[in-house]
Amino acid sequence: METAKRTDLPDLLEHLGYSIRRVGSRYHTTREMDSIRIKDRRTWKRYSNGTGGDAITFLQEFCGKDFREAVNYLLEFNGHRARDSPTPHPRPAQAKEKAAFALPIAHADQRRVFAYLQKRGIAPQVIRGFIEAGLLYEDSLHHNCVFVGREASGKPVFASKRGTYDLNGSGFKGDAVGSDKNVAFRLPCDPALDWVAVFEAPIDLMSFCTLHRQVRSNAVALCGLYQGPLDTYLRENSHLKRIVLCLDADGPGREATEKFQAEYAEKGYTVSARAPAQGKDWNECLQLCGRARERRDQRQAAAR
C-alpha cells in the first residue's frame, strides 16, 4: 500500500499522456490542467475544484478506477506484481510512447444518461441531438456520460466521462486514458459562420444549447481551462475571426477569460465574453431559470 501511495506522480501522469512542467523547486503541473499542483512529486491538489491527494486518489478521480483497481495499477506501475494479476509487467513509465486511446464500451441504451442530463435541466431534443451525432453515449461499466471528442476527419480521439450519480456532492469526472486533450470536445464548424463559442465543460455547452436552440455548431468545450482545444479548432478552421468566451463566472473562469481575451486579441481575433446571467456556470444558470419558470407557472395556475 505504501508503495502505491508514494508513486512518483510526474512519472505516472507522463505515462498517462499528460505534458508535465516544473513550477518552482518543489512543484509540477500539467499543460492540460494548469490548476493542478504536484508537491514533492508525491501529492497533488487541483485548485479549480479543491480536490487532491496521492496517486491512488488521482486514478480514482481522473481515470475512473475504484480503490482496489487503483492500488493494483500502481503496484504494477512500480514494478510489483498485483495480487490478481496473472503476469508481472515492466514499469510503464519506462515506455515513452503515449497510452493508446480507446472509447469506453457502450451500454445497450442511454436511459441513465438521458435521465441524468434531463435532471440537470438539459432539453430532451438537445440530448437526443448529441447522441444521434455520435458525441454522447452511456458507458457499459459505470453508466457514465461519455462525451466524445472527434478530430476534423470525424475519428474519435477524446472521451470525457461524467458520472450520473451525484449523491452527496459532485459525481465522478475524468478523461479516458490516451485522450487527445488538444481536441477535447467540440461541435462541427459551419463554414458560413465566423465565430466560435468556448465553454469549460460539455454540460455547460449543452446547457447553452438548451437556452439558445439556434446554436448547433461552432462550439468548443475545453474540459478544463487548457486552451489547446481552442487553438486546434482555430487552426483547423482558419476562416474564424471571432471568439465568444462563455467560461464559468467563478474565480478561475474569470481569470481565464481575462487571459484569453488579451492573448487572442493580440493574435488578431475579435474576442468577447458572455457570462451566465446567474449562477456560477451555464448549467447552474439553466437550472435556476427552470426553477424560476416553474414558480411563475405555479403562481399563474393559482391565480386562475
Protein backbone atom coordinates (compact mmCIF):
# COMPACT_ATOMS: atom_id res chain seq x y z
CA MET A 1 0.00 0.00 0.00
CA GLU A 2 2.78 2.43 0.90
CA THR A 3 4.42 1.74 -2.47
CA ALA A 4 1.22 2.75 -4.28
CA LYS A 5 0.79 5.90 -2.19
CA ARG A 6 4.37 7.01 -2.80
CA THR A 7 4.22 6.67 -6.59
CA ASP A 8 6.14 9.37 -8.44
CA LEU A 9 3.25 11.46 -9.78
CA PRO A 10 5.06 13.29 -12.61
CA ASP A 11 6.20 9.91 -13.97
CA LEU A 12 2.68 8.49 -13.65
CA LEU A 13 0.99 11.45 -15.34
CA GLU A 14 3.53 11.46 -18.16
CA HIS A 15 2.73 7.79 -18.76
CA LEU A 16 -0.99 8.64 -18.83
CA GLY A 17 -0.40 11.16 -21.62
CA TYR A 18 -0.10 14.45 -19.74
CA SER A 19 2.59 17.03 -20.53
CA ILE A 20 4.50 17.82 -17.32
CA ARG A 21 6.29 21.06 -16.50
CA ARG A 22 8.10 22.23 -13.37
CA VAL A 23 6.82 25.15 -11.25
CA GLY A 24 9.50 26.37 -8.86
CA SER A 25 11.70 23.93 -6.96
CA ARG A 26 9.01 21.74 -5.32
CA TYR A 27 6.05 21.75 -7.68
CA HIS A 28 4.99 20.36 -11.03
CA THR A 29 1.86 20.93 -13.10
CA THR A 30 0.45 19.77 -16.44
CA ARG A 31 -0.09 21.71 -19.63
CA GLU A 32 -3.58 20.21 -19.89
CA MET A 33 -4.74 21.05 -16.35
CA ASP A 34 -2.75 24.04 -15.16
CA SER A 35 -4.82 24.33 -11.97
CA ILE A 36 -3.12 21.14 -10.69
CA ARG A 37 -0.06 21.40 -8.45
CA ILE A 38 2.04 18.34 -7.63
CA LYS A 39 4.12 18.85 -4.49
CA ASP A 40 7.40 16.99 -3.91
CA ARG A 41 6.38 14.53 -6.67
CA ARG A 42 4.04 12.67 -4.27
CA THR A 43 0.84 14.67 -3.60
CA TRP A 44 -1.46 16.68 -5.86
CA LYS A 45 -4.11 19.34 -5.48
CA ARG A 46 -6.45 20.76 -8.13
CA TYR A 47 -7.22 24.33 -7.11
CA SER A 48 -10.12 24.76 -9.54
CA ASN A 49 -12.29 22.35 -7.52
CA GLY A 50 -10.39 21.75 -4.26
CA THR A 51 -9.70 18.04 -4.82
CA GLY A 52 -6.36 16.43 -4.07
CA GLY A 53 -4.49 13.51 -2.58
CA ASP A 54 -1.94 10.90 -3.63
CA ALA A 55 -1.52 8.68 -6.70
CA ILE A 56 -4.38 6.42 -5.62
CA THR A 57 -6.87 9.27 -5.43
CA PHE A 58 -5.60 10.66 -8.75
CA LEU A 59 -6.50 7.41 -10.55
CA GLN A 60 -9.88 7.36 -8.80
CA GLU A 61 -10.62 10.99 -9.71
CA PHE A 62 -9.38 11.13 -13.30
CA CYS A 63 -9.27 7.54 -14.58
CA GLY A 64 -12.48 6.09 -13.15
CA LYS A 65 -10.77 3.35 -11.11
CA ASP A 66 -12.07 2.11 -7.78
CA PHE A 67 -9.68 1.88 -4.80
CA ARG A 68 -8.56 -1.69 -5.44
CA GLU A 69 -8.06 -1.14 -9.17
CA ALA A 70 -6.00 1.97 -8.48
CA VAL A 71 -3.75 0.21 -5.94
CA ASN A 72 -3.16 -2.78 -8.24
CA TYR A 73 -2.41 -0.48 -11.18
CA LEU A 74 0.15 1.45 -9.14
CA LEU A 75 1.81 -1.70 -7.82
CA GLU A 76 2.34 -2.84 -11.40
CA PHE A 77 3.44 0.65 -12.39
CA ASN A 78 6.13 0.50 -9.71
CA GLY A 79 7.32 -2.93 -10.83
CA HIS A 80 5.43 -5.09 -8.32
CA ARG A 81 3.06 -7.93 -9.11
CA ALA A 82 -0.53 -7.04 -8.15
CA ARG A 83 -2.46 -9.70 -6.22
CA ASP A 84 -4.82 -10.68 -9.03
CA SER A 85 -2.51 -10.03 -12.00
CA PRO A 86 -1.70 -13.21 -13.98
CA THR A 87 1.74 -11.94 -15.05
CA PRO A 88 4.03 -9.15 -13.98
CA HIS A 89 4.55 -6.18 -16.32
CA PRO A 90 7.53 -3.86 -16.73
CA ARG A 91 7.14 -0.42 -15.25
CA PRO A 92 5.04 1.57 -17.77
CA ALA A 93 6.96 4.78 -17.05
CA GLN A 94 9.94 3.25 -18.85
CA ALA A 95 7.91 3.23 -22.07
CA LYS A 96 7.99 6.53 -23.90
CA GLU A 97 5.01 6.00 -26.18
CA LYS A 98 1.70 7.59 -25.24
CA ALA A 99 -1.00 5.31 -23.86
CA ALA A 100 -3.37 4.11 -26.59
CA PHE A 101 -6.82 5.71 -26.71
CA ALA A 102 -9.97 3.63 -26.77
CA LEU A 103 -13.58 4.65 -26.21
CA PRO A 104 -15.27 3.06 -23.18
CA ILE A 105 -17.60 0.20 -24.13
CA ALA A 106 -21.11 1.50 -24.84
CA HIS A 107 -24.19 0.36 -22.91
CA ALA A 108 -27.14 -1.10 -24.78
CA ASP A 109 -29.25 2.00 -24.14
CA GLN A 110 -28.86 5.60 -22.96
CA ARG A 111 -31.54 5.69 -20.26
CA ARG A 112 -29.40 6.72 -17.28
CA VAL A 113 -27.54 9.36 -19.27
CA PHE A 114 -30.84 10.71 -20.62
CA ALA A 115 -32.41 10.82 -17.13
CA TYR A 116 -29.31 12.41 -15.56
CA LEU A 117 -28.99 15.18 -18.13
CA GLN A 118 -32.72 15.92 -18.04
CA LYS A 119 -32.39 16.24 -14.25
CA ARG A 120 -29.68 18.82 -14.93
CA GLY A 121 -32.23 20.78 -16.99
CA ILE A 122 -30.98 19.93 -20.47
CA ALA A 123 -33.72 19.65 -23.09
CA PRO A 124 -34.55 16.17 -24.45
CA GLN A 125 -34.13 17.45 -28.02
CA VAL A 126 -30.60 18.62 -27.24
CA ILE A 127 -29.66 15.33 -25.55
CA ARG A 128 -31.07 13.34 -28.46
CA GLY A 129 -29.21 15.51 -30.97
CA PHE A 130 -25.86 14.92 -29.26
CA ILE A 131 -26.48 11.17 -29.07
CA GLU A 132 -27.50 10.95 -32.74
CA ALA A 133 -24.41 12.93 -33.74
CA GLY A 134 -22.15 10.40 -32.01
CA LEU A 135 -21.00 12.94 -29.44
CA LEU A 136 -22.59 11.36 -26.36
CA TYR A 137 -23.43 7.90 -25.04
CA GLU A 138 -23.68 5.82 -21.84
CA ASP A 139 -20.82 3.52 -20.93
CA SER A 140 -21.49 -0.10 -20.06
CA LEU A 141 -19.39 -0.47 -16.91
CA HIS A 142 -20.28 2.55 -14.77
CA HIS A 143 -23.19 4.15 -16.73
CA ASN A 144 -21.19 7.37 -17.07
CA CYS A 145 -21.97 10.03 -19.64
CA VAL A 146 -19.25 9.75 -22.27
CA PHE A 147 -18.67 12.96 -24.26
CA VAL A 148 -16.79 12.04 -27.43
CA GLY A 149 -14.30 14.44 -28.97
CA ARG A 150 -13.73 13.92 -32.69
CA GLU A 151 -10.94 15.33 -34.82
CA ALA A 152 -11.69 17.05 -38.15
CA SER A 153 -11.97 13.72 -40.01
CA GLY A 154 -14.63 12.51 -37.54
CA LYS A 155 -12.35 9.99 -35.84
CA PRO A 156 -12.88 9.85 -32.03
CA VAL A 157 -9.71 10.85 -30.18
CA PHE A 158 -11.03 12.07 -26.82
CA ALA A 159 -13.58 10.96 -24.24
CA SER A 160 -14.65 12.91 -21.15
CA LYS A 161 -16.54 10.80 -18.61
CA ARG A 162 -19.11 12.27 -16.22
CA GLY A 163 -20.76 10.18 -13.52
CA THR A 164 -24.54 10.03 -13.44
CA TYR A 165 -24.70 9.53 -9.67
CA ASP A 166 -24.33 12.78 -7.72
CA LEU A 167 -25.31 11.83 -4.16
CA ASN A 168 -23.62 13.99 -1.50
CA GLY A 169 -21.70 16.19 -3.91
CA SER A 170 -20.25 16.28 -7.38
CA GLY A 171 -20.04 12.98 -9.24
CA PHE A 172 -17.06 11.38 -10.96
CA LYS A 173 -15.26 13.30 -13.70
CA GLY A 174 -12.30 12.13 -15.76
CA ASP A 175 -10.90 11.61 -19.24
CA ALA A 176 -10.35 8.23 -20.90
CA VAL A 177 -6.68 7.23 -20.88
CA GLY A 178 -4.89 8.35 -24.05
CA SER A 179 -7.39 11.12 -24.83
CA ASP A 180 -6.11 13.91 -27.07
CA LYS A 181 -6.52 16.94 -24.83
CA ASN A 182 -5.71 19.26 -27.75
CA VAL A 183 -9.04 18.26 -29.34
CA ALA A 184 -11.26 17.79 -26.26
CA PHE A 185 -15.00 18.17 -27.00
CA ARG A 186 -16.48 20.27 -29.79
CA LEU A 187 -19.31 20.72 -32.23
CA PRO A 188 -18.65 20.76 -36.00
CA CYS A 189 -17.74 24.10 -37.57
CA ASP A 190 -20.15 25.74 -40.02
CA PRO A 191 -18.05 27.47 -42.72
CA ALA A 192 -20.78 30.12 -43.09
CA LEU A 193 -20.18 31.35 -39.51
CA ASP A 194 -17.07 33.30 -38.49
CA TRP A 195 -17.30 32.77 -34.70
CA VAL A 196 -16.71 30.04 -32.11
CA ALA A 197 -18.15 29.85 -28.59
CA VAL A 198 -15.88 28.47 -25.85
CA PHE A 199 -17.03 26.65 -22.68
CA GLU A 200 -15.31 24.87 -19.81
CA ALA A 201 -17.39 21.67 -19.76
CA PRO A 202 -19.57 19.69 -22.22
CA ILE A 203 -22.57 20.00 -19.88
CA ASP A 204 -22.20 23.79 -19.96
CA LEU A 205 -22.14 23.66 -23.75
CA MET A 206 -25.32 21.53 -23.75
CA SER A 207 -26.94 23.92 -21.27
CA PHE A 208 -26.19 26.87 -23.54
CA CYS A 209 -27.69 24.94 -26.47
CA THR A 210 -30.84 24.41 -24.38
CA LEU A 211 -31.09 28.13 -23.64
CA HIS A 212 -30.24 29.07 -27.23
CA ARG A 213 -31.68 26.39 -29.51
CA GLN A 214 -30.29 28.02 -32.66
CA VAL A 215 -26.73 27.07 -31.59
CA ARG A 216 -25.92 23.72 -33.21
CA SER A 217 -22.30 24.19 -34.30
CA ASN A 218 -19.18 26.29 -33.76
CA ALA A 219 -18.55 25.49 -30.09
CA VAL A 220 -15.68 24.03 -28.08
CA ALA A 221 -15.65 22.66 -24.53
CA LEU A 222 -12.11 22.81 -23.16
CA CYS A 223 -12.85 20.19 -20.48
CA GLY A 224 -11.00 22.46 -18.08
CA LEU A 225 -9.16 25.71 -18.75
CA TYR A 226 -6.42 24.44 -21.07
CA GLN A 227 -6.61 26.43 -24.31
CA GLY A 228 -5.11 23.75 -26.56
CA PRO A 229 -8.56 22.63 -27.86
CA LEU A 230 -9.39 26.19 -28.91
CA ASP A 231 -6.04 26.58 -30.68
CA THR A 232 -6.67 23.34 -32.58
CA TYR A 233 -10.19 24.43 -33.60
CA LEU A 234 -8.93 27.80 -34.82
CA ARG A 235 -6.08 26.21 -36.74
CA GLU A 236 -8.43 23.75 -38.45
CA ASN A 237 -10.96 26.49 -39.30
CA SER A 238 -8.91 29.44 -40.48
CA HIS A 239 -11.99 31.45 -41.54
CA LEU A 240 -12.97 32.05 -37.88
CA LYS A 241 -12.47 35.65 -36.82
CA ARG A 242 -14.48 35.98 -33.59
CA ILE A 243 -14.21 34.18 -30.25
CA VAL A 244 -17.01 34.28 -27.67
CA LEU A 245 -15.73 33.21 -24.25
CA CYS A 246 -18.54 31.56 -22.25
CA LEU A 247 -16.43 30.38 -19.31
CA ASP A 248 -17.60 29.97 -15.72
CA ALA A 249 -18.37 33.02 -13.57
CA ASP A 250 -16.16 31.81 -10.68
CA GLY A 251 -12.62 32.99 -9.90
CA PRO A 252 -10.67 30.64 -12.20
CA GLY A 253 -13.18 31.22 -15.03
CA ARG A 254 -12.92 34.99 -14.77
CA GLU A 255 -9.11 34.85 -14.63
CA ALA A 256 -9.00 32.63 -17.72
CA THR A 257 -11.43 34.93 -19.55
CA GLU A 258 -9.16 37.93 -18.97
CA LYS A 259 -6.09 35.94 -20.00
CA PHE A 260 -7.68 34.55 -23.18
CA GLN A 261 -9.11 37.94 -24.17
CA ALA A 262 -5.66 39.52 -24.09
CA GLU A 263 -3.87 36.63 -25.82
CA TYR A 264 -6.32 36.10 -28.69
CA ALA A 265 -6.89 39.82 -29.27
CA GLU A 266 -3.14 40.13 -29.75
CA LYS A 267 -3.38 37.36 -32.37
CA GLY A 268 -5.94 39.42 -34.31
CA TYR A 269 -9.22 37.85 -33.20
CA THR A 270 -12.25 39.83 -32.06
CA VAL A 271 -12.83 38.47 -28.56
CA SER A 272 -15.93 38.97 -26.41
CA ALA A 273 -17.12 37.41 -23.15
CA ARG A 274 -20.58 36.14 -22.33
CA ALA A 275 -21.10 35.16 -18.70
CA PRO A 276 -24.17 33.29 -17.42
CA ALA A 277 -26.87 35.68 -16.21
CA GLN A 278 -27.00 33.91 -12.84
CA GLY A 279 -25.14 31.11 -11.08
CA LYS A 280 -21.50 30.15 -11.43
CA ASP A 281 -21.79 28.34 -14.79
CA TRP A 282 -24.19 27.75 -17.67
CA ASN A 283 -25.74 24.63 -16.20
CA GLU A 284 -26.46 26.34 -12.89
CA CYS A 285 -27.92 29.26 -14.85
CA LEU A 286 -30.14 26.85 -16.80
CA GLN A 287 -31.39 25.17 -13.63
CA LEU A 288 -32.10 28.50 -11.91
CA CYS A 289 -34.03 29.68 -14.98
CA GLY A 290 -36.03 26.45 -14.90
CA ARG A 291 -36.94 26.87 -11.23
CA ALA A 292 -37.97 30.48 -11.79
CA ARG A 293 -40.19 29.37 -14.67
CA GLU A 294 -41.80 26.68 -12.51
CA ARG A 295 -42.56 29.20 -9.75
CA ARG A 296 -44.05 31.58 -12.30
CA ASP A 297 -46.24 28.83 -13.77
CA GLN A 298 -47.41 27.85 -10.27
CA ARG A 299 -48.39 31.44 -9.46
CA GLN A 300 -50.26 31.77 -12.74
CA ALA A 301 -52.07 28.48 -12.11
CA ALA A 302 -53.04 29.58 -8.57
CA ALA A 303 -54.35 32.89 -9.89
CA ARG A 304 -56.76 31.25 -12.33
